Amino acid sequence: MKVGRLLAERRLPPLARRIRKERLTYLSPERIARIEECLATVRDERVAGDFVEAGIALGGSAILIASHLGETPGIDRRFRGFDVFGRIPAPSERDGADAHGRFAVIASGESKGIGGEGDYYGYRTDLYDAVVAAFARLGYPVDGDRIRLVPGLFEDTMHFAEGDRIAFAHVDCDWHDPVRLSFERIAARLSPGGIVLFDDYQDYEGCGRAVREVLAADASLELESEAPTARVRKRGRAAP
């Protein structure tokens, strides 16, 4: 591990370090720190609403996000996590060669696990149960109410009620179509001052395109920064 990465790892809170030690996330220390930073912002500014993740994988970042639910006095939050809990669907014609090349490896059965070791999580038939078990093991049981995991394709499962509000969302679903769909549905419920992070903005051409398309259509959303992950914010701030 390089010196910079080692220092970043040591700065992470204990839960984040445990998540990485148990190999429950593909995210680098820098990207985990980015999530922590955004959660601190919505806490300190008292942004109303729930936490959402689109793309759960092994559950590490979802557990980290859920661990912050009770940090804002007077604001009752829930966590909603969406994933197919299996092999990721194929990219579309709106994705680039990078996504199609990556999916070809996945479809071939040759994809590897974290750090090139072990099995790729998307091949597991028990993935949902494994993620639920990881939540429980780290102290944040999936109860179906405060913490809920929703299996299935986003177009079928990612629905929010009229009164729902979202304070923070982490979108980590790689390809153009699921990124755009999840962004549009999250943005419709995003509170003023709410934040959406896009893990794959710099990694896959289609993800970046999807984010820019939604931004171009909605002037209430602002791209604040692009690295290490793209951070979008809803204009306006929570009432004092």
Protein backbone atom coordinates (compact mmCIF):
# COMPACT_ATOMS: atom_id res chain seq x y z
CA MET A 1 0.00 0.00 0.00
CA LYS A 2 1.41 3.40 -0.97
CA VAL A 3 2.21 5.90 1.79
CA GLY A 4 -0.60 8.28 0.78
CA ARG A 5 -3.17 5.49 0.72
CA LEU A 6 -1.93 4.19 4.09
CA LEU A 7 -2.30 7.64 5.66
CA ALA A 8 -5.79 8.01 4.18
CA GLU A 9 -6.71 4.60 5.60
CA ARG A 10 -5.53 5.57 9.09
CA ARG A 11 -7.65 8.74 9.03
CA LEU A 12 -10.85 6.78 8.47
CA PRO A 13 -13.19 6.20 11.43
CA PRO A 14 -13.08 2.74 13.03
CA LEU A 15 -16.21 1.45 11.28
CA ALA A 16 -14.85 2.40 7.86
CA ARG A 17 -11.56 0.68 8.61
CA ARG A 18 -13.41 -2.44 9.69
CA ILE A 19 -15.49 -2.40 6.51
CA ARG A 20 -12.33 -2.30 4.44
CA LYS A 21 -10.62 -4.95 6.56
CA GLU A 22 -13.59 -7.28 6.06
CA ARG A 23 -13.45 -6.56 2.31
CA LEU A 24 -17.00 -5.27 2.11
CA THR A 25 -16.28 -2.38 -0.27
CA TYR A 26 -14.37 -1.63 -3.45
CA LEU A 27 -14.11 2.04 -2.49
CA SER A 28 -10.73 3.59 -1.82
CA PRO A 29 -10.08 5.39 1.49
CA GLU A 30 -10.36 8.69 -0.40
CA ARG A 31 -13.81 7.83 -1.71
CA ILE A 32 -14.98 6.63 1.68
CA ALA A 33 -13.74 9.89 3.19
CA ARG A 34 -15.76 11.74 0.56
CA ILE A 35 -18.94 10.00 1.74
CA GLU A 36 -18.11 10.84 5.36
CA GLU A 37 -17.54 14.48 4.43
CA CYS A 38 -20.92 14.77 2.68
CA LEU A 39 -22.76 13.09 5.55
CA ALA A 40 -21.15 15.55 7.96
CA THR A 41 -22.31 18.42 5.77
CA VAL A 42 -25.97 17.38 5.69
CA ARG A 43 -25.78 16.74 9.44
CA ASP A 44 -24.25 20.11 10.30
CA GLU A 45 -26.60 21.99 7.98
CA ARG A 46 -29.60 19.98 9.21
CA VAL A 47 -30.71 18.98 5.72
CA ALA A 48 -33.97 17.06 6.06
CA GLY A 49 -34.55 13.65 4.53
CA ASP A 50 -33.43 10.07 4.20
CA PHE A 51 -30.23 8.44 2.97
CA VAL A 52 -30.22 6.39 -0.24
CA GLU A 53 -27.72 4.19 -2.05
CA ALA A 54 -28.15 2.95 -5.62
CA GLY A 55 -25.77 0.04 -6.10
CA ILE A 56 -25.00 -1.88 -2.91
CA ALA A 57 -22.47 -4.53 -4.03
CA LEU A 58 -21.12 -6.14 -0.83
CA GLY A 59 -22.78 -3.58 1.43
CA GLY A 60 -19.78 -1.73 2.85
CA SER A 61 -20.64 1.83 1.88
CA ALA A 62 -24.33 1.19 2.62
CA ILE A 63 -23.46 0.13 6.19
CA LEU A 64 -21.28 3.21 6.58
CA ILE A 65 -24.08 5.49 5.39
CA ALA A 66 -26.67 3.80 7.60
CA SER A 67 -24.40 4.27 10.63
CA HIS A 68 -25.00 8.04 10.38
CA LEU A 69 -28.80 7.89 10.57
CA GLY A 70 -29.13 9.10 14.15
CA GLU A 71 -26.64 11.95 14.09
CA THR A 72 -29.00 14.90 13.50
CA PRO A 73 -31.12 15.68 16.58
CA GLY A 74 -34.73 16.31 15.69
CA ILE A 75 -34.50 14.76 12.22
CA ASP A 76 -35.74 11.20 11.79
CA ARG A 77 -33.93 9.50 8.92
CA ARG A 78 -34.21 6.15 7.14
CA PHE A 79 -31.83 4.31 4.83
CA ARG A 80 -32.97 2.80 1.52
CA GLY A 81 -30.58 0.64 -0.51
CA PHE A 82 -31.32 -0.53 -4.05
CA ASP A 83 -29.53 -3.28 -6.00
CA VAL A 84 -30.22 -6.33 -8.15
CA PHE A 85 -28.13 -8.31 -5.63
CA GLY A 86 -26.63 -10.35 -8.44
CA ARG A 87 -24.83 -9.80 -11.70
CA ILE A 88 -25.11 -6.23 -12.93
CA PRO A 89 -27.33 -5.82 -16.04
CA ALA A 90 -25.63 -5.14 -19.36
CA PRO A 91 -24.76 -1.59 -20.43
CA SER A 92 -26.70 0.00 -23.29
CA GLU A 93 -25.84 1.78 -26.52
CA ARG A 94 -25.57 4.97 -24.46
CA ASP A 95 -22.47 3.59 -22.76
CA GLY A 96 -18.94 3.64 -24.10
CA ALA A 97 -16.39 0.98 -24.94
CA ASP A 98 -15.12 1.12 -21.35
CA ALA A 99 -18.42 -0.15 -19.94
CA HIS A 100 -18.92 -2.75 -22.66
CA GLY A 101 -15.39 -4.03 -22.21
CA ARG A 102 -15.85 -4.34 -18.47
CA PHE A 103 -19.18 -6.11 -18.87
CA ALA A 104 -17.66 -8.58 -21.32
CA VAL A 105 -15.24 -9.67 -18.60
CA ILE A 106 -18.09 -9.99 -16.09
CA ALA A 107 -20.24 -11.96 -18.53
CA SER A 108 -17.34 -14.31 -19.31
CA GLY A 109 -17.23 -15.43 -15.68
CA GLU A 110 -13.62 -14.26 -15.36
CA SER A 111 -14.14 -11.19 -13.17
CA LYS A 112 -12.25 -11.24 -9.86
CA GLY A 113 -13.03 -9.97 -6.40
CA ILE A 114 -11.63 -6.99 -4.50
CA GLY A 115 -7.98 -6.40 -5.31
CA GLY A 116 -8.09 -9.15 -7.93
CA GLU A 117 -8.55 -11.82 -5.29
CA GLY A 118 -11.41 -14.20 -4.61
CA ASP A 119 -14.79 -14.34 -6.30
CA TYR A 120 -16.60 -11.45 -7.93
CA TYR A 121 -19.57 -10.51 -5.76
CA GLY A 122 -21.95 -10.43 -8.74
CA TYR A 123 -21.62 -14.18 -9.24
CA ARG A 124 -22.91 -14.99 -5.75
CA THR A 125 -26.37 -16.53 -5.47
CA ASP A 126 -26.59 -15.62 -1.77
CA LEU A 127 -25.60 -11.97 -2.13
CA TYR A 128 -28.70 -10.42 -0.58
CA ASP A 129 -28.48 -12.69 2.47
CA ALA A 130 -24.73 -12.00 2.76
CA VAL A 131 -25.31 -8.24 2.75
CA VAL A 132 -28.09 -8.50 5.33
CA ALA A 133 -25.75 -10.59 7.51
CA ALA A 134 -22.99 -7.99 7.16
CA PHE A 135 -25.34 -5.21 8.30
CA ALA A 136 -26.29 -7.25 11.37
CA ARG A 137 -22.71 -8.24 12.16
CA LEU A 138 -21.57 -4.61 12.17
CA GLY A 139 -24.46 -3.50 14.36
CA TYR A 140 -27.00 -2.09 11.89
CA PRO A 141 -29.66 -4.74 11.32
CA VAL A 142 -31.91 -4.53 8.28
CA ASP A 143 -35.34 -4.16 9.88
CA GLY A 144 -37.34 -3.27 6.76
CA ASP A 145 -38.28 0.12 8.18
CA ARG A 146 -35.40 2.26 9.42
CA ILE A 147 -32.96 0.28 7.28
CA ARG A 148 -34.35 -1.35 4.17
CA LEU A 149 -32.71 -3.13 1.22
CA VAL A 150 -34.77 -3.39 -1.97
CA PRO A 151 -33.76 -6.07 -4.50
CA GLY A 152 -34.56 -5.73 -8.21
CA LEU A 153 -34.04 -3.50 -11.22
CA PHE A 154 -34.17 0.21 -10.39
CA GLU A 155 -36.96 0.89 -12.87
CA ASP A 156 -39.13 -1.56 -10.93
CA THR A 157 -38.08 -0.82 -7.36
CA MET A 158 -36.84 2.75 -6.97
CA HIS A 159 -40.07 4.52 -6.12
CA PHE A 160 -40.51 7.23 -3.52
CA ALA A 161 -43.72 8.54 -1.99
CA GLU A 162 -44.84 12.11 -2.62
CA GLY A 163 -43.85 13.20 0.87
CA ASP A 164 -40.45 11.51 0.90
CA ARG A 165 -37.37 13.71 1.09
CA ILE A 166 -33.73 12.74 0.53
CA ALA A 167 -30.76 14.44 2.21
CA PHE A 168 -27.94 12.31 0.80
CA ALA A 169 -27.60 9.69 -1.91
CA HIS A 170 -24.65 7.63 -3.13
CA VAL A 171 -25.05 6.45 -6.73
CA ASP A 172 -22.69 3.60 -7.60
CA CYS A 173 -24.29 1.71 -10.47
CA ASP A 174 -21.72 2.18 -13.26
CA TRP A 175 -23.66 2.46 -16.53
CA HIS A 176 -25.60 5.30 -18.17
CA ASP A 177 -29.18 4.06 -17.86
CA PRO A 178 -29.28 3.07 -14.17
CA VAL A 179 -27.29 6.18 -13.22
CA ARG A 180 -29.67 8.48 -15.10
CA LEU A 181 -32.81 6.78 -13.83
CA SER A 182 -31.66 6.78 -10.22
CA PHE A 183 -30.45 10.40 -10.44
CA GLU A 184 -33.77 11.58 -11.87
CA ARG A 185 -35.82 9.80 -9.22
CA ILE A 186 -33.55 10.90 -6.37
CA ALA A 187 -33.40 14.50 -7.62
CA ALA A 188 -37.20 14.72 -7.59
CA ARG A 189 -37.12 14.13 -3.81
CA LEU A 190 -33.82 15.87 -2.94
CA SER A 191 -34.11 18.47 -0.18
CA PRO A 192 -32.57 21.94 -0.59
CA GLY A 193 -28.92 21.50 0.35
CA GLY A 194 -29.13 17.76 -0.32
CA ILE A 195 -26.13 16.00 -1.87
CA VAL A 196 -25.74 13.22 -4.44
CA LEU A 197 -22.36 11.52 -4.96
CA PHE A 198 -21.58 9.63 -8.19
CA ASP A 199 -18.85 7.08 -7.69
CA ASP A 200 -18.33 6.22 -11.37
CA TYR A 201 -18.38 9.75 -12.83
CA GLN A 202 -14.68 9.62 -13.69
CA ASP A 203 -14.59 5.88 -14.33
CA TYR A 204 -17.20 5.22 -17.01
CA GLU A 205 -18.11 7.48 -19.92
CA GLY A 206 -21.80 6.62 -19.71
CA CYS A 207 -22.06 7.57 -16.04
CA GLY A 208 -20.55 10.98 -16.66
CA ARG A 209 -22.87 11.54 -19.62
CA ALA A 210 -25.94 10.59 -17.59
CA VAL A 211 -25.07 13.00 -14.79
CA ARG A 212 -24.49 15.87 -17.22
CA GLU A 213 -27.77 15.17 -19.01
CA VAL A 214 -29.79 15.46 -15.81
CA LEU A 215 -27.89 18.57 -14.74
CA ALA A 216 -28.62 20.21 -18.09
CA ALA A 217 -32.35 19.57 -17.62
CA ASP A 218 -32.61 20.74 -13.99
CA ALA A 219 -31.24 24.15 -13.05
CA SER A 220 -31.85 23.48 -9.35
CA LEU A 221 -28.90 21.05 -9.34
CA GLU A 222 -25.27 22.15 -9.21
CA LEU A 223 -22.13 20.11 -9.91
CA GLU A 224 -19.84 21.26 -7.12
CA SER A 225 -16.82 19.05 -7.83
CA GLU A 226 -15.79 16.06 -9.94
CA ALA A 227 -13.02 14.27 -8.04
CA PRO A 228 -12.49 11.82 -6.50
CA THR A 229 -16.22 11.36 -7.05
CA ALA A 230 -18.71 13.83 -8.54
CA ARG A 231 -20.67 15.82 -5.96
CA VAL A 232 -23.99 17.37 -6.96
CA ARG A 233 -26.01 19.61 -4.66
CA LYS A 234 -29.56 20.88 -4.67
CA ARG A 235 -29.51 24.68 -4.64
CA GLY A 236 -30.83 26.32 -1.51
CA ARG A 237 -30.18 25.50 2.09
CA ALA A 238 -32.18 24.04 4.92
CA ALA A 239 -34.12 26.48 7.08
CA PRO A 240 -32.27 27.41 10.31
